C-alpha atoms as a PDB file:
ATOM      1  CA  MET A   1      31.231  44.289 -29.764  1.00  0.00           C
ATOM      2  CA  ALA A   2      28.735  41.821 -28.311  1.00  0.00           C
ATOM      3  CA  SER A   3      29.767  38.195 -28.389  1.00  0.00           C
ATOM      4  CA  GLU A   4      28.010  35.845 -30.760  1.00  0.00           C
ATOM      5  CA  GLY A   5      25.914  32.915 -29.533  1.00  0.00           C
ATOM      6  CA  TYR A   6      23.771  32.379 -26.496  1.00  0.00           C
ATOM      7  CA  SER A   7      24.129  34.555 -23.427  1.00  0.00           C
ATOM      8  CA  GLY A   8      24.327  33.212 -19.899  1.00  0.00           C
ATOM      9  CA  ASP A   9      20.872  34.687 -19.309  1.00  0.00           C
ATOM     10  CA  ALA A  10      19.351  32.767 -22.224  1.00  0.00           C
ATOM     11  CA  ILE A  11      20.953  29.507 -21.156  1.00  0.00           C
ATOM     12  CA  ALA A  12      19.841  30.079 -17.554  1.00  0.00           C
ATOM     13  CA  ALA A  13      16.267  30.659 -18.764  1.00  0.00           C
ATOM     14  CA  LEU A  14      16.361  27.400 -20.708  1.00  0.00           C
ATOM     15  CA  LEU A  15      17.763  25.538 -17.702  1.00  0.00           C
ATOM     16  CA  PHE A  16      15.022  27.042 -15.518  1.00  0.00           C
ATOM     17  CA  MET A  17      12.337  25.834 -17.929  1.00  0.00           C
ATOM     18  CA  GLN A  18      13.951  22.409 -18.295  1.00  0.00           C
ATOM     19  CA  SER A  19      14.129  21.951 -14.530  1.00  0.00           C
ATOM     20  CA  SER A  20      10.378  22.473 -14.283  1.00  0.00           C
ATOM     21  CA  ALA A  21       9.722  20.208 -17.275  1.00  0.00           C
ATOM     22  CA  THR A  22      11.892  17.466 -15.770  1.00  0.00           C
ATOM     23  CA  THR A  23       9.959  17.698 -12.509  1.00  0.00           C
ATOM     24  CA  MET A  24       6.690  17.366 -14.426  1.00  0.00           C
ATOM     25  CA  ASP A  25       8.120  14.368 -16.310  1.00  0.00           C
ATOM     26  CA  VAL A  26       9.092  12.663 -13.055  1.00  0.00           C
ATOM     27  CA  TYR A  27       5.550  12.999 -11.739  1.00  0.00           C
ATOM     28  CA  SER A  28       4.208  11.615 -15.020  1.00  0.00           C
ATOM     29  CA  ALA A  29       6.512   8.623 -14.723  1.00  0.00           C
ATOM     30  CA  LEU A  30       5.914   7.927 -11.030  1.00  0.00           C
ATOM     31  CA  ASN A  31       2.257   8.950 -10.621  1.00  0.00           C
ATOM     32  CA  SER A  32      -0.764   8.804 -12.822  1.00  0.00           C
ATOM     33  CA  SER A  33      -2.590  12.136 -12.566  1.00  0.00           C
ATOM     34  CA  PRO A  34      -4.412  14.364 -10.091  1.00  0.00           C
ATOM     35  CA  TRP A  35      -7.661  13.202 -11.706  1.00  0.00           C
ATOM     36  CA  THR A  36      -6.788   9.592 -10.889  1.00  0.00           C
ATOM     37  CA  ALA A  37      -5.826  10.587  -7.350  1.00  0.00           C
ATOM     38  CA  GLU A  38      -9.193  12.279  -6.925  1.00  0.00           C
ATOM     39  CA  SER A  39     -10.936   9.214  -8.329  1.00  0.00           C
ATOM     40  CA  PHE A  40      -9.640   6.950  -5.561  1.00  0.00           C
ATOM     41  CA  GLY A  41      -9.027   9.417  -2.740  1.00  0.00           C
ATOM     42  CA  ALA A  42     -11.233   7.555  -0.250  1.00  0.00           C
ATOM     43  CA  ASP A  43      -9.253   4.328  -0.665  1.00  0.00           C
ATOM     44  CA  GLN A  44      -6.723   4.411   2.195  1.00  0.00           C
ATOM     45  CA  ARG A  45      -4.339   1.905   0.602  1.00  0.00           C
ATOM     46  CA  ARG A  46      -4.198   3.812  -2.671  1.00  0.00           C
ATOM     47  CA  SER A  47      -3.894   7.174  -0.904  1.00  0.00           C
ATOM     48  CA  LYS A  48      -0.921   5.860   1.051  1.00  0.00           C
ATOM     49  CA  ALA A  49       0.666   4.587  -2.178  1.00  0.00           C
ATOM     50  CA  LEU A  50       0.100   7.987  -3.838  1.00  0.00           C
ATOM     51  CA  LYS A  51       1.898   9.761  -0.996  1.00  0.00           C
ATOM     52  CA  GLU A  52       4.806   7.333  -1.319  1.00  0.00           C
ATOM     53  CA  TYR A  53       5.130   7.970  -5.059  1.00  0.00           C
ATOM     54  CA  VAL A  54       4.842  11.738  -4.596  1.00  0.00           C
ATOM     55  CA  THR A  55       7.737  11.474  -2.116  1.00  0.00           C
ATOM     56  CA  HIS A  56       9.760   9.501  -4.670  1.00  0.00           C
ATOM     57  CA  ALA A  57       9.022  12.153  -7.301  1.00  0.00           C
ATOM     58  CA  VAL A  58      10.108  14.994  -5.002  1.00  0.00           C
ATOM     59  CA  VAL A  59      13.356  13.294  -3.979  1.00  0.00           C
ATOM     60  CA  TYR A  60      14.250  12.273  -7.527  1.00  0.00           C
ATOM     61  CA  SER A  61      13.398  15.593  -9.176  1.00  0.00           C
ATOM     62  CA  MET A  62      15.124  17.695  -6.512  1.00  0.00           C
ATOM     63  CA  GLY A  63      18.217  15.491  -6.664  1.00  0.00           C
ATOM     64  CA  TYR A  64      18.224  15.835 -10.427  1.00  0.00           C
ATOM     65  CA  ALA A  65      17.856  19.635 -10.207  1.00  0.00           C
ATOM     66  CA  ILE A  66      20.621  19.952  -7.607  1.00  0.00           C
ATOM     67  CA  VAL A  67      23.023  17.929  -9.750  1.00  0.00           C
ATOM     68  CA  ALA A  68      22.065  20.028 -12.792  1.00  0.00           C
ATOM     69  CA  GLY A  69      22.716  23.193 -10.780  1.00  0.00           C
ATOM     70  CA  ILE A  70      26.135  21.919  -9.733  1.00  0.00           C
ATOM     71  CA  LEU A  71      26.992  20.983 -13.315  1.00  0.00           C
ATOM     72  CA  ALA A  72      25.841  24.371 -14.619  1.00  0.00           C
ATOM     73  CA  GLN A  73      28.544  26.102 -12.561  1.00  0.00           C
ATOM     74  CA  SER A  74      27.123  29.559 -13.029  1.00  0.00           C
ATOM     75  CA  ARG A  75      25.592  32.279 -10.942  1.00  0.00           C
ATOM     76  CA  TYR A  76      22.223  31.181 -12.339  1.00  0.00           C
ATOM     77  CA  ALA A  77      22.486  27.580 -11.106  1.00  0.00           C
ATOM     78  CA  TRP A  78      20.210  28.203  -8.130  1.00  0.00           C
ATOM     79  CA  TRP A  79      17.366  29.022 -10.546  1.00  0.00           C
ATOM     80  CA  ILE A  80      17.423  25.395 -11.690  1.00  0.00           C
ATOM     81  CA  VAL A  81      16.814  24.207  -8.138  1.00  0.00           C
ATOM     82  CA  LEU A  82      14.265  26.964  -7.490  1.00  0.00           C
ATOM     83  CA  SER A  83      12.306  25.956 -10.593  1.00  0.00           C
ATOM     84  CA  ALA A  84      12.142  22.314  -9.524  1.00  0.00           C
ATOM     85  CA  LEU A  85      11.233  23.336  -5.966  1.00  0.00           C
ATOM     86  CA  ALA A  86       8.402  25.604  -7.133  1.00  0.00           C
ATOM     87  CA  THR A  87       7.069  22.894  -9.442  1.00  0.00           C
ATOM     88  CA  ASN A  88       7.234  20.326  -6.627  1.00  0.00           C
ATOM     89  CA  VAL A  89       5.346  22.617  -4.250  1.00  0.00           C
ATOM     90  CA  TYR A  90       2.623  23.090  -6.855  1.00  0.00           C
ATOM     91  CA  LEU A  91       2.360  19.389  -7.698  1.00  0.00           C
ATOM     92  CA  ILE A  92       2.327  18.282  -4.050  1.00  0.00           C
ATOM     93  CA  TRP A  93      -0.488  20.741  -3.400  1.00  0.00           C
ATOM     94  CA  LEU A  94      -2.366  19.553  -6.510  1.00  0.00           C
ATOM     95  CA  TYR A  95      -2.092  15.836  -5.681  1.00  0.00           C
ATOM     96  CA  MET A  96      -2.983  16.284  -2.008  1.00  0.00           C
ATOM     97  CA  ARG A  97      -5.981  18.443  -2.939  1.00  0.00           C
ATOM     98  CA  ALA A  98      -7.115  15.769  -5.389  1.00  0.00           C
ATOM     99  CA  MET A  99      -6.800  13.107  -2.698  1.00  0.00           C
ATOM    100  CA  ARG A 100      -8.798  15.230  -0.211  1.00  0.00           C
ATOM    101  CA  ARG A 101     -11.513  15.797  -2.827  1.00  0.00           C
ATOM    102  CA  GLY A 102     -11.704  12.078  -3.537  1.00  0.00           C
ATOM    103  CA  ARG A 103     -11.952  11.328   0.184  1.00  0.00           C
ATOM    104  CA  ALA A 104     -14.730  13.925   0.581  1.00  0.00           C
ATOM    105  CA  ALA A 105     -16.608  12.424  -2.377  1.00  0.00           C
ATOM    106  CA  GLY A 106     -16.119   8.890  -1.084  1.00  0.00           C
ATOM    107  CA  SER A 107     -14.397   7.856  -4.312  1.00  0.00           C
ATOM    108  CA  SER A 108     -12.741   4.494  -3.834  1.00  0.00           C
ATOM    109  CA  ASP A 109     -14.153   1.789  -6.074  1.00  0.00           C
ATOM    110  CA  TRP A 110     -13.788   2.990  -9.649  1.00  0.00           C
ATOM    111  CA  ALA A 111     -11.206   0.268 -10.384  1.00  0.00           C
ATOM    112  CA  ASN A 112     -10.589  -3.300  -9.299  1.00  0.00           C
ATOM    113  CA  ASN A 113      -9.434  -3.636  -5.694  1.00  0.00           C
END
């Protein structure tokens, strides 16, 4: 007879999704948006600050995912870290592309300096 309740697979899937959502939340808390990054991409000071906050987001979210994987203590724990890593790779690419587009457009003065 099958056991009642959630299976390890279902819980692992939820942890995988939560790891990605947490990574997205960290970027929301520490950065504004790719649109904002594109809007000031030509401003060297703001571009440097964006890179610093992206680094903070990567370190925080990966640390969070690694701890979650350790706490999960299952064969699926590495999926938590993989989910955060994949989300970080995507978001780094997205923010850096936005910054390059802003630099190419010469966008730097949409807000007060």
